[in-house]
Each structure stands twice: as C-alpha cells, then as structure tokens.
Amino acid sequence: MELLERNTAALQGHLAGAIEVMGKICQDADTAPQVRLNAADAIIRNSLKLTETTDILARLCELEKQMEEGHA
C-alpha cells in the first residue's frame, strides 16, 4: 500500500505540468489539428472525471459527518 501511495503522490506532482503542456498544445496553431483535438479531448474528459470524483468525495464526507453526528 505504501508503494501505491508514493507512486500516486509522484504522479500527482506532475499534474500541473501535464495540464500546462496539453493547454499549450491546444493553443499552438502550428500543431496538427488532430493532435490539438486529442489534447482538448483529454483535458475535457479528465476535467469531467475530476469534477465528478470531487463532487462524490464531498458528498461522501458530508454523509460520514452526518452519520457521526447521528451516533454521537
């Protein structure tokens, strides 16, 4: 489990740079249209997944809080 957590943290450390690269690719008129489209698609898909995950985690935390308060 510790190895998985370290690897997850390492990957997360590269997120900002990866997002910046994809954004630059989308904006670069000299980049092939298909490459730009792929970068845009990756940004959109991953943004939607992250938003959904964030929303679910927030709801889960609220439910756990309510359960704790109900059992206190």
PDB file of N, CA and C in Angstrom:
ATOM      1  N   MET A   1       0.839  -1.204   0.000  1.00  0.00           N
ATOM      2  CA  MET A   1       0.000   0.000   0.000  1.00  0.00           C
ATOM      3  C   MET A   1       0.875   1.255   0.000  1.00  0.00           C
ATOM      4  N   GLU A   2       1.978   1.212   0.722  1.00  0.00           N
ATOM      5  CA  GLU A   2       2.876   2.368   0.798  1.00  0.00           C
ATOM      6  C   GLU A   2       3.450   2.709  -0.582  1.00  0.00           C
ATOM      7  N   LEU A   3       3.807   1.684  -1.348  1.00  0.00           N
ATOM      8  CA  LEU A   3       4.335   1.894  -2.692  1.00  0.00           C
ATOM      9  C   LEU A   3       3.287   2.571  -3.576  1.00  0.00           C
ATOM     10  N   LEU A   4       2.061   2.120  -3.486  1.00  0.00           N
ATOM     11  CA  LEU A   4       0.977   2.711  -4.262  1.00  0.00           C
ATOM     12  C   LEU A   4       0.783   4.181  -3.885  1.00  0.00           C
ATOM     13  N   GLU A   5       0.831   4.488  -2.608  1.00  0.00           N
ATOM     14  CA  GLU A   5       0.659   5.866  -2.156  1.00  0.00           C
ATOM     15  C   GLU A   5       1.802   6.750  -2.646  1.00  0.00           C
ATOM     16  N   ARG A   6       3.027   6.229  -2.624  1.00  0.00           N
ATOM     17  CA  ARG A   6       4.181   7.010  -3.111  1.00  0.00           C
ATOM     18  C   ARG A   6       4.058   7.265  -4.609  1.00  0.00           C
ATOM     19  N   ASN A   7       3.674   6.234  -5.346  1.00  0.00           N
ATOM     20  CA  ASN A   7       3.522   6.393  -6.791  1.00  0.00           C
ATOM     21  C   ASN A   7       2.396   7.347  -7.143  1.00  0.00           C
ATOM     22  N   THR A   8       1.316   7.286  -6.400  1.00  0.00           N
ATOM     23  CA  THR A   8       0.197   8.210  -6.607  1.00  0.00           C
ATOM     24  C   THR A   8       0.657   9.644  -6.368  1.00  0.00           C
ATOM     25  N   ALA A   9       1.385   9.859  -5.288  1.00  0.00           N
ATOM     26  CA  ALA A   9       1.888  11.199  -4.974  1.00  0.00           C
ATOM     27  C   ALA A   9       2.842  11.686  -6.061  1.00  0.00           C
ATOM     28  N   ALA A  10       3.686  10.794  -6.569  1.00  0.00           N
ATOM     29  CA  ALA A  10       4.618  11.178  -7.635  1.00  0.00           C
ATOM     30  C   ALA A  10       3.866  11.595  -8.894  1.00  0.00           C
ATOM     31  N   LEU A  11       2.848  10.836  -9.259  1.00  0.00           N
ATOM     32  CA  LEU A  11       2.044  11.183 -10.430  1.00  0.00           C
ATOM     33  C   LEU A  11       1.328  12.513 -10.230  1.00  0.00           C
ATOM     34  N   GLN A  12       0.784  12.711  -9.052  1.00  0.00           N
ATOM     35  CA  GLN A  12       0.075  13.956  -8.763  1.00  0.00           C
ATOM     36  C   GLN A  12       1.012  15.157  -8.865  1.00  0.00           C
ATOM     37  N   GLY A  13       2.286  14.932  -8.552  1.00  0.00           N
ATOM     38  CA  GLY A  13       3.271  16.007  -8.645  1.00  0.00           C
ATOM     39  C   GLY A  13       3.491  16.490 -10.072  1.00  0.00           C
ATOM     40  N   HIS A  14       3.129  15.676 -11.041  1.00  0.00           N
ATOM     41  CA  HIS A  14       3.315  16.034 -12.446  1.00  0.00           C
ATOM     42  C   HIS A  14       2.041  16.564 -13.098  1.00  0.00           C
ATOM     43  N   LEU A  15       0.949  16.597 -12.377  1.00  0.00           N
ATOM     44  CA  LEU A  15      -0.331  17.008 -12.973  1.00  0.00           C
ATOM     45  C   LEU A  15      -0.309  18.424 -13.536  1.00  0.00           C
ATOM     46  N   ALA A  16       0.182  19.363 -12.766  1.00  0.00           N
ATOM     47  CA  ALA A  16       0.165  20.761 -13.215  1.00  0.00           C
ATOM     48  C   ALA A  16       0.953  20.926 -14.507  1.00  0.00           C
ATOM     49  N   GLY A  17       2.117  20.303 -14.576  1.00  0.00           N
ATOM     50  CA  GLY A  17       2.924  20.390 -15.789  1.00  0.00           C
ATOM     51  C   GLY A  17       2.247  19.743 -16.979  1.00  0.00           C
ATOM     52  N   ALA A  18       1.627  18.599 -16.758  1.00  0.00           N
ATOM     53  CA  ALA A  18       0.931  17.900 -17.837  1.00  0.00           C
ATOM     54  C   ALA A  18      -0.242  18.721 -18.352  1.00  0.00           C
ATOM     55  N   ILE A  19      -0.971  19.327 -17.444  1.00  0.00           N
ATOM     56  CA  ILE A  19      -2.101  20.169 -17.835  1.00  0.00           C
ATOM     57  C   ILE A  19      -1.609  21.367 -18.635  1.00  0.00           C
ATOM     58  N   GLU A  20      -0.509  21.955 -18.196  1.00  0.00           N
ATOM     59  CA  GLU A  20       0.056  23.101 -18.909  1.00  0.00           C
ATOM     60  C   GLU A  20       0.484  22.706 -20.327  1.00  0.00           C
ATOM     61  N   VAL A  21       1.119  21.559 -20.465  1.00  0.00           N
ATOM     62  CA  VAL A  21       1.551  21.083 -21.779  1.00  0.00           C
ATOM     63  C   VAL A  21       0.338  20.872 -22.696  1.00  0.00           C
ATOM     64  N   MET A  22      -0.697  20.214 -22.175  1.00  0.00           N
ATOM     65  CA  MET A  22      -1.886  19.988 -23.001  1.00  0.00           C
ATOM     66  C   MET A  22      -2.534  21.308 -23.408  1.00  0.00           C
ATOM     67  N   GLY A  23      -2.548  22.262 -22.504  1.00  0.00           N
ATOM     68  CA  GLY A  23      -3.104  23.574 -22.823  1.00  0.00           C
ATOM     69  C   GLY A  23      -2.314  24.269 -23.916  1.00  0.00           C
ATOM     70  N   LYS A  24      -0.980  24.182 -23.840  1.00  0.00           N
ATOM     71  CA  LYS A  24      -0.140  24.792 -24.869  1.00  0.00           C
ATOM     72  C   LYS A  24      -0.355  24.117 -26.221  1.00  0.00           C
ATOM     73  N   ILE A  25      -0.491  22.803 -26.211  1.00  0.00           N
ATOM     74  CA  ILE A  25      -0.747  22.077 -27.461  1.00  0.00           C
ATOM     75  C   ILE A  25      -2.063  22.540 -28.079  1.00  0.00           C
ATOM     76  N   CYS A  26      -3.076  22.697 -27.263  1.00  0.00           N
ATOM     77  CA  CYS A  26      -4.393  23.150 -27.769  1.00  0.00           C
ATOM     78  C   CYS A  26      -4.300  24.531 -28.412  1.00  0.00           C
ATOM     79  N   GLN A  27      -3.441  25.381 -27.882  1.00  0.00           N
ATOM     80  CA  GLN A  27      -3.346  26.762 -28.354  1.00  0.00           C
ATOM     81  C   GLN A  27      -2.347  26.955 -29.497  1.00  0.00           C
ATOM     82  N   ASP A  28      -1.535  25.954 -29.771  1.00  0.00           N
ATOM     83  CA  ASP A  28      -0.466  26.076 -30.761  1.00  0.00           C
ATOM     84  C   ASP A  28      -1.002  25.837 -32.174  1.00  0.00           C
ATOM     85  N   ALA A  29      -1.104  26.906 -32.935  1.00  0.00           N
ATOM     86  CA  ALA A  29      -1.643  26.812 -34.297  1.00  0.00           C
ATOM     87  C   ALA A  29      -0.744  25.995 -35.219  1.00  0.00           C
ATOM     88  N   ASP A  30       0.510  25.813 -34.845  1.00  0.00           N
ATOM     89  CA  ASP A  30       1.445  25.037 -35.671  1.00  0.00           C
ATOM     90  C   ASP A  30       1.339  23.535 -35.415  1.00  0.00           C
ATOM     91  N   THR A  31       0.602  23.158 -34.398  1.00  0.00           N
ATOM     92  CA  THR A  31       0.416  21.741 -34.083  1.00  0.00           C
ATOM     93  C   THR A  31      -0.696  21.182 -34.966  1.00  0.00           C
ATOM     94  N   ALA A  32      -0.514  19.931 -35.382  1.00  0.00           N
ATOM     95  CA  ALA A  32      -1.507  19.283 -36.248  1.00  0.00           C
ATOM     96  C   ALA A  32      -2.893  19.319 -35.593  1.00  0.00           C
ATOM     97  N   PRO A  33      -3.929  19.574 -36.387  1.00  0.00           N
ATOM     98  CA  PRO A  33      -5.287  19.661 -35.838  1.00  0.00           C
ATOM     99  C   PRO A  33      -5.687  18.428 -35.024  1.00  0.00           C
ATOM    100  N   GLN A  34      -5.343  17.232 -35.473  1.00  0.00           N
ATOM    101  CA  GLN A  34      -5.726  16.026 -34.742  1.00  0.00           C
ATOM    102  C   GLN A  34      -5.049  15.971 -33.372  1.00  0.00           C
ATOM    103  N   VAL A  35      -3.811  16.411 -33.298  1.00  0.00           N
ATOM    104  CA  VAL A  35      -3.086  16.441 -32.023  1.00  0.00           C
ATOM    105  C   VAL A  35      -3.740  17.450 -31.089  1.00  0.00           C
ATOM    106  N   ARG A  36      -4.104  18.602 -31.628  1.00  0.00           N
ATOM    107  CA  ARG A  36      -4.784  19.619 -30.828  1.00  0.00           C
ATOM    108  C   ARG A  36      -6.123  19.103 -30.326  1.00  0.00           C
ATOM    109  N   LEU A  37      -6.856  18.433 -31.214  1.00  0.00           N
ATOM    110  CA  LEU A  37      -8.146  17.852 -30.833  1.00  0.00           C
ATOM    111  C   LEU A  37      -7.973  16.802 -29.740  1.00  0.00           C
ATOM    112  N   ASN A  38      -6.963  15.955 -29.878  1.00  0.00           N
ATOM    113  CA  ASN A  38      -6.702  14.933 -28.859  1.00  0.00           C
ATOM    114  C   ASN A  38      -6.380  15.564 -27.510  1.00  0.00           C
ATOM    115  N   ALA A  39      -5.586  16.626 -27.518  1.00  0.00           N
ATOM    116  CA  ALA A  39      -5.246  17.304 -26.269  1.00  0.00           C
ATOM    117  C   ALA A  39      -6.490  17.936 -25.640  1.00  0.00           C
ATOM    118  N   ALA A  40      -7.306  18.576 -26.472  1.00  0.00           N
ATOM    119  CA  ALA A  40      -8.540  19.181 -25.963  1.00  0.00           C
ATOM    120  C   ALA A  40      -9.464  18.121 -25.383  1.00  0.00           C
ATOM    121  N   ASP A  41      -9.583  17.008 -26.094  1.00  0.00           N
ATOM    122  CA  ASP A  41     -10.431  15.914 -25.622  1.00  0.00           C
ATOM    123  C   ASP A  41      -9.930  15.372 -24.284  1.00  0.00           C
ATOM    124  N   ALA A  42      -8.622  15.215 -24.166  1.00  0.00           N
ATOM    125  CA  ALA A  42      -8.051  14.712 -22.909  1.00  0.00           C
ATOM    126  C   ALA A  42      -8.328  15.678 -21.755  1.00  0.00           C
ATOM    127  N   ILE A  43      -8.199  16.967 -22.031  1.00  0.00           N
ATOM    128  CA  ILE A  43      -8.477  17.965 -20.996  1.00  0.00           C
ATOM    129  C   ILE A  43      -9.936  17.883 -20.557  1.00  0.00           C
ATOM    130  N   ILE A  44     -10.841  17.826 -21.521  1.00  0.00           N
ATOM    131  CA  ILE A  44     -12.271  17.782 -21.200  1.00  0.00           C
ATOM    132  C   ILE A  44     -12.626  16.508 -20.446  1.00  0.00           C
ATOM    133  N   ARG A  45     -12.199  15.350 -20.955  1.00  0.00           N
ATOM    134  CA  ARG A  45     -12.541  14.076 -20.309  1.00  0.00           C
ATOM    135  C   ARG A  45     -12.008  14.022 -18.881  1.00  0.00           C
ATOM    136  N   ASN A  46     -10.756  14.413 -18.709  1.00  0.00           N
ATOM    137  CA  ASN A  46     -10.157  14.329 -17.381  1.00  0.00           C
ATOM    138  C   ASN A  46     -10.729  15.369 -16.436  1.00  0.00           C
ATOM    139  N   SER A  47     -11.097  16.519 -16.962  1.00  0.00           N
ATOM    140  CA  SER A  47     -11.738  17.539 -16.132  1.00  0.00           C
ATOM    141  C   SER A  47     -13.089  17.047 -15.624  1.00  0.00           C
ATOM    142  N   LEU A  48     -13.851  16.413 -16.513  1.00  0.00           N
ATOM    143  CA  LEU A  48     -15.153  15.877 -16.099  1.00  0.00           C
ATOM    144  C   LEU A  48     -14.995  14.788 -15.046  1.00  0.00           C
ATOM    145  N   LYS A  49     -14.013  13.897 -15.225  1.00  0.00           N
ATOM    146  CA  LYS A  49     -13.775  12.836 -14.241  1.00  0.00           C
ATOM    147  C   LYS A  49     -13.378  13.427 -12.898  1.00  0.00           C
ATOM    148  N   LEU A  50     -12.476  14.413 -12.925  1.00  0.00           N
ATOM    149  CA  LEU A  50     -12.023  15.030 -11.681  1.00  0.00           C
ATOM    150  C   LEU A  50     -13.168  15.751 -10.979  1.00  0.00           C
ATOM    151  N   THR A  51     -13.994  16.454 -11.753  1.00  0.00           N
ATOM    152  CA  THR A  51     -15.144  17.154 -11.173  1.00  0.00           C
ATOM    153  C   THR A  51     -16.105  16.158 -10.539  1.00  0.00           C
ATOM    154  N   GLU A  52     -16.389  15.077 -11.248  1.00  0.00           N
ATOM    155  CA  GLU A  52     -17.297  14.057 -10.724  1.00  0.00           C
ATOM    156  C   GLU A  52     -16.732  13.429  -9.451  1.00  0.00           C
ATOM    157  N   THR A  53     -15.460  13.104  -9.462  1.00  0.00           N
ATOM    158  CA  THR A  53     -14.828  12.497  -8.292  1.00  0.00           C
ATOM    159  C   THR A  53     -14.844  13.457  -7.104  1.00  0.00           C
ATOM    160  N   THR A  54     -14.535  14.711  -7.370  1.00  0.00           N
ATOM    161  CA  THR A  54     -14.534  15.718  -6.305  1.00  0.00           C
ATOM    162  C   THR A  54     -15.927  15.867  -5.702  1.00  0.00           C
ATOM    163  N   ASP A  55     -16.944  15.900  -6.560  1.00  0.00           N
ATOM    164  CA  ASP A  55     -18.319  16.008  -6.079  1.00  0.00           C
ATOM    165  C   ASP A  55     -18.712  14.794  -5.236  1.00  0.00           C
ATOM    166  N   ILE A  56     -18.357  13.606  -5.693  1.00  0.00           N
ATOM    167  CA  ILE A  56     -18.688  12.382  -4.950  1.00  0.00           C
ATOM    168  C   ILE A  56     -17.989  12.371  -3.597  1.00  0.00           C
ATOM    169  N   LEU A  57     -16.719  12.754  -3.565  1.00  0.00           N
ATOM    170  CA  LEU A  57     -15.988  12.778  -2.294  1.00  0.00           C
ATOM    171  C   LEU A  57     -16.593  13.783  -1.322  1.00  0.00           C
ATOM    172  N   ALA A  58     -17.018  14.924  -1.835  1.00  0.00           N
ATOM    173  CA  ALA A  58     -17.644  15.924  -0.964  1.00  0.00           C
ATOM    174  C   ALA A  58     -18.943  15.378  -0.383  1.00  0.00           C
ATOM    175  N   ARG A  59     -19.726  14.696  -1.222  1.00  0.00           N
ATOM    176  CA  ARG A  59     -20.980  14.115  -0.737  1.00  0.00           C
ATOM    177  C   ARG A  59     -20.710  13.018   0.282  1.00  0.00           C
ATOM    178  N   LEU A  60     -19.706  12.201   0.029  1.00  0.00           N
ATOM    179  CA  LEU A  60     -19.349  11.132   0.952  1.00  0.00           C
ATOM    180  C   LEU A  60     -18.910  11.693   2.298  1.00  0.00           C
ATOM    181  N   CYS A  61     -18.086  12.726   2.264  1.00  0.00           N
ATOM    182  CA  CYS A  61     -17.643  13.356   3.517  1.00  0.00           C
ATOM    183  C   CYS A  61     -18.823  13.904   4.305  1.00  0.00           C
ATOM    184  N   GLU A  62     -19.765  14.514   3.606  1.00  0.00           N
ATOM    185  CA  GLU A  62     -20.956  15.058   4.276  1.00  0.00           C
ATOM    186  C   GLU A  62     -21.788  13.941   4.886  1.00  0.00           C
ATOM    187  N   LEU A  63     -21.960  12.853   4.168  1.00  0.00           N
ATOM    188  CA  LEU A  63     -22.709  11.714   4.709  1.00  0.00           C
ATOM    189  C   LEU A  63     -22.018  11.120   5.934  1.00  0.00           C
ATOM    190  N   GLU A  64     -20.702  10.986   5.868  1.00  0.00           N
ATOM    191  CA  GLU A  64     -19.958  10.459   7.015  1.00  0.00           C
ATOM    192  C   GLU A  64     -20.096  11.386   8.221  1.00  0.00           C
ATOM    193  N   LYS A  65     -20.059  12.687   7.971  1.00  0.00           N
ATOM    194  CA  LYS A  65     -20.225  13.664   9.051  1.00  0.00           C
ATOM    195  C   LYS A  65     -21.605  13.533   9.686  1.00  0.00           C
ATOM    196  N   GLN A  66     -22.625  13.401   8.839  1.00  0.00           N
ATOM    197  CA  GLN A  66     -23.977  13.262   9.356  1.00  0.00           C
ATOM    198  C   GLN A  66     -24.135  11.984  10.157  1.00  0.00           C
ATOM    199  N   MET A  67     -23.502  10.906   9.696  1.00  0.00           N
ATOM    200  CA  MET A  67     -23.578   9.640  10.434  1.00  0.00           C
ATOM    201  C   MET A  67     -22.905   9.749  11.784  1.00  0.00           C
ATOM    202  N   GLU A  68     -21.756  10.405  11.834  1.00  0.00           N
ATOM    203  CA  GLU A  68     -21.033  10.595  13.094  1.00  0.00           C
ATOM    204  C   GLU A  68     -21.857  11.428  14.065  1.00  0.00           C
ATOM    205  N   GLU A  69     -22.474  12.458  13.562  1.00  0.00           N
ATOM    206  CA  GLU A  69     -23.288  13.329  14.415  1.00  0.00           C
ATOM    207  C   GLU A  69     -24.525  12.578  14.915  1.00  0.00           C
ATOM    208  N   GLY A  70     -25.039  11.708  14.087  1.00  0.00           N
ATOM    209  CA  GLY A  70     -26.219  10.945  14.481  1.00  0.00           C
ATOM    210  C   GLY A  70     -25.910   9.883  15.522  1.00  0.00           C
ATOM    211  N   HIS A  71     -24.665   9.423  15.551  1.00  0.00           N
ATOM    212  CA  HIS A  71     -24.259   8.376  16.509  1.00  0.00           C
ATOM    213  C   HIS A  71     -23.563   8.934  17.734  1.00  0.00           C
ATOM    214  N   ALA A  72     -23.389  10.258  17.783  1.00  0.00           N
ATOM    215  CA  ALA A  72     -22.661  10.847  18.922  1.00  0.00           C
ATOM    216  C   ALA A  72     -23.526  10.945  20.148  1.00  0.00           C
TER     217      ALA A  72
END
